[in-house]
């Protein structure tokens, strides 16, 4: 096992996935895309699971 391995949470993976989608489909910069991705993931987390 590599000592430099950094654990990544499922939340961070979800935010990164949304950020990549946002940057691919908009002209937003990296910081703006990240901020929007955080808002989007938080909003999706508030939707009850049975509705998702």
N, C-alpha and C. Protein backbone atom coordinates (compact mmCIF):
# COMPACT_ATOMS: atom_id res chain seq x y z
N UNK A 1 0.85 -1.18 0.00
CA UNK A 1 0.00 0.00 0.00
C UNK A 1 0.89 1.24 0.00
N UNK A 2 0.52 2.20 -0.76
CA UNK A 2 1.28 3.42 -0.88
C UNK A 2 0.98 4.35 0.28
N UNK A 3 2.00 4.89 0.92
CA UNK A 3 1.81 5.77 2.08
C UNK A 3 1.21 7.11 1.67
N UNK A 4 1.29 7.46 0.37
CA UNK A 4 0.77 8.74 -0.10
C UNK A 4 -0.70 8.69 -0.49
N UNK A 5 -1.33 7.56 -0.31
CA UNK A 5 -2.73 7.41 -0.68
C UNK A 5 -3.61 8.24 0.25
N UNK A 6 -4.48 9.04 -0.37
CA UNK A 6 -5.38 9.89 0.38
C UNK A 6 -6.79 9.35 0.21
N UNK A 7 -7.47 9.05 1.31
CA UNK A 7 -8.84 8.55 1.18
C UNK A 7 -9.77 9.63 0.61
N UNK A 8 -10.65 9.21 -0.27
CA UNK A 8 -11.60 10.13 -0.90
C UNK A 8 -13.00 9.65 -0.55
N UNK A 9 -13.82 10.58 -0.05
CA UNK A 9 -15.18 10.21 0.34
C UNK A 9 -16.08 10.10 -0.89
N UNK A 10 -17.19 9.43 -0.70
CA UNK A 10 -18.18 9.30 -1.79
C UNK A 10 -18.73 10.68 -2.16
N UNK A 11 -18.85 11.56 -1.16
CA UNK A 11 -19.31 12.93 -1.41
C UNK A 11 -18.34 13.65 -2.35
N UNK A 12 -17.05 13.53 -2.08
CA UNK A 12 -16.04 14.19 -2.93
C UNK A 12 -16.07 13.64 -4.35
N UNK A 13 -16.29 12.35 -4.48
CA UNK A 13 -16.39 11.74 -5.80
C UNK A 13 -17.60 12.28 -6.54
N UNK A 14 -18.73 12.41 -5.84
CA UNK A 14 -19.94 12.94 -6.47
C UNK A 14 -19.76 14.38 -6.91
N UNK A 15 -19.16 15.20 -6.04
CA UNK A 15 -18.92 16.61 -6.38
C UNK A 15 -17.99 16.70 -7.59
N UNK A 16 -16.94 15.89 -7.62
CA UNK A 16 -16.00 15.91 -8.74
C UNK A 16 -16.69 15.51 -10.04
N UNK A 17 -17.55 14.51 -9.97
CA UNK A 17 -18.28 14.07 -11.16
C UNK A 17 -19.17 15.19 -11.70
N UNK A 18 -19.91 15.86 -10.81
CA UNK A 18 -20.78 16.96 -11.24
C UNK A 18 -19.94 18.12 -11.77
N UNK A 19 -18.82 18.41 -11.12
CA UNK A 19 -17.94 19.50 -11.57
C UNK A 19 -17.44 19.23 -12.98
N UNK A 20 -17.06 18.00 -13.27
CA UNK A 20 -16.59 17.66 -14.62
C UNK A 20 -17.69 17.86 -15.65
N UNK A 21 -18.91 17.47 -15.31
CA UNK A 21 -20.03 17.65 -16.23
C UNK A 21 -20.29 19.13 -16.47
N UNK A 22 -20.27 19.92 -15.40
CA UNK A 22 -20.51 21.36 -15.53
C UNK A 22 -19.44 22.01 -16.40
N UNK A 23 -18.17 21.67 -16.18
CA UNK A 23 -17.11 22.30 -16.98
C UNK A 23 -17.17 21.87 -18.44
N UNK A 24 -17.64 20.65 -18.71
CA UNK A 24 -17.75 20.20 -20.09
C UNK A 24 -18.87 20.90 -20.85
N UNK A 25 -19.91 21.31 -20.15
CA UNK A 25 -21.10 21.84 -20.82
C UNK A 25 -21.32 23.33 -20.61
N UNK A 26 -20.41 24.00 -19.93
CA UNK A 26 -20.52 25.44 -19.73
C UNK A 26 -19.16 26.10 -19.94
N UNK A 27 -19.14 27.41 -19.88
CA UNK A 27 -17.89 28.16 -19.98
C UNK A 27 -17.37 28.58 -18.61
N UNK A 28 -17.91 27.98 -17.54
CA UNK A 28 -17.49 28.33 -16.20
C UNK A 28 -16.06 27.87 -15.94
N UNK A 29 -15.36 28.64 -15.11
CA UNK A 29 -14.02 28.26 -14.70
C UNK A 29 -14.06 27.15 -13.66
N UNK A 30 -12.89 26.71 -13.26
CA UNK A 30 -12.78 25.59 -12.33
C UNK A 30 -13.42 25.89 -10.98
N UNK A 31 -13.15 27.07 -10.43
CA UNK A 31 -13.70 27.42 -9.11
C UNK A 31 -15.21 27.59 -9.16
N UNK A 32 -15.71 28.23 -10.20
CA UNK A 32 -17.16 28.44 -10.33
C UNK A 32 -17.87 27.10 -10.55
N UNK A 33 -17.26 26.23 -11.34
CA UNK A 33 -17.86 24.92 -11.58
C UNK A 33 -17.89 24.09 -10.30
N UNK A 34 -16.83 24.19 -9.50
CA UNK A 34 -16.79 23.48 -8.22
C UNK A 34 -17.87 24.00 -7.28
N UNK A 35 -18.00 25.33 -7.20
CA UNK A 35 -19.02 25.92 -6.32
C UNK A 35 -20.42 25.49 -6.74
N UNK A 36 -20.68 25.50 -8.04
CA UNK A 36 -21.98 25.07 -8.54
C UNK A 36 -22.20 23.58 -8.27
N UNK A 37 -21.17 22.78 -8.43
CA UNK A 37 -21.28 21.34 -8.17
C UNK A 37 -21.62 21.07 -6.71
N UNK A 38 -21.01 21.81 -5.80
CA UNK A 38 -21.30 21.63 -4.37
C UNK A 38 -22.77 21.95 -4.11
N UNK A 39 -23.27 23.04 -4.69
CA UNK A 39 -24.68 23.41 -4.50
C UNK A 39 -25.61 22.34 -5.09
N UNK A 40 -25.25 21.82 -6.25
CA UNK A 40 -26.09 20.82 -6.90
C UNK A 40 -26.15 19.52 -6.10
N UNK A 41 -24.99 19.07 -5.59
CA UNK A 41 -24.97 17.83 -4.81
C UNK A 41 -25.74 18.02 -3.51
N UNK A 42 -25.58 19.17 -2.87
CA UNK A 42 -26.34 19.44 -1.64
C UNK A 42 -27.84 19.44 -1.92
N UNK A 43 -28.24 20.03 -3.04
CA UNK A 43 -29.66 20.06 -3.38
C UNK A 43 -30.18 18.65 -3.65
N UNK A 44 -29.41 17.85 -4.36
CA UNK A 44 -29.82 16.47 -4.62
C UNK A 44 -29.91 15.66 -3.33
N UNK A 45 -29.05 15.97 -2.38
CA UNK A 45 -29.07 15.25 -1.10
C UNK A 45 -30.33 15.55 -0.29
N UNK A 46 -31.00 16.66 -0.57
CA UNK A 46 -32.20 17.01 0.18
C UNK A 46 -33.45 16.34 -0.38
N UNK A 47 -33.34 15.78 -1.58
CA UNK A 47 -34.48 15.08 -2.19
C UNK A 47 -34.64 13.74 -1.48
N UNK A 48 -35.83 13.44 -1.00
CA UNK A 48 -36.04 12.16 -0.31
C UNK A 48 -35.66 10.98 -1.22
N UNK A 49 -35.10 9.96 -0.62
CA UNK A 49 -34.59 8.83 -1.40
C UNK A 49 -35.67 8.15 -2.23
N UNK A 50 -36.90 8.04 -1.71
CA UNK A 50 -37.93 7.37 -2.47
C UNK A 50 -38.36 8.17 -3.71
N UNK A 51 -38.02 9.44 -3.75
CA UNK A 51 -38.33 10.28 -4.92
C UNK A 51 -37.21 10.17 -5.95
N UNK A 52 -35.98 10.01 -5.48
CA UNK A 52 -34.84 9.90 -6.38
C UNK A 52 -34.97 8.64 -7.17
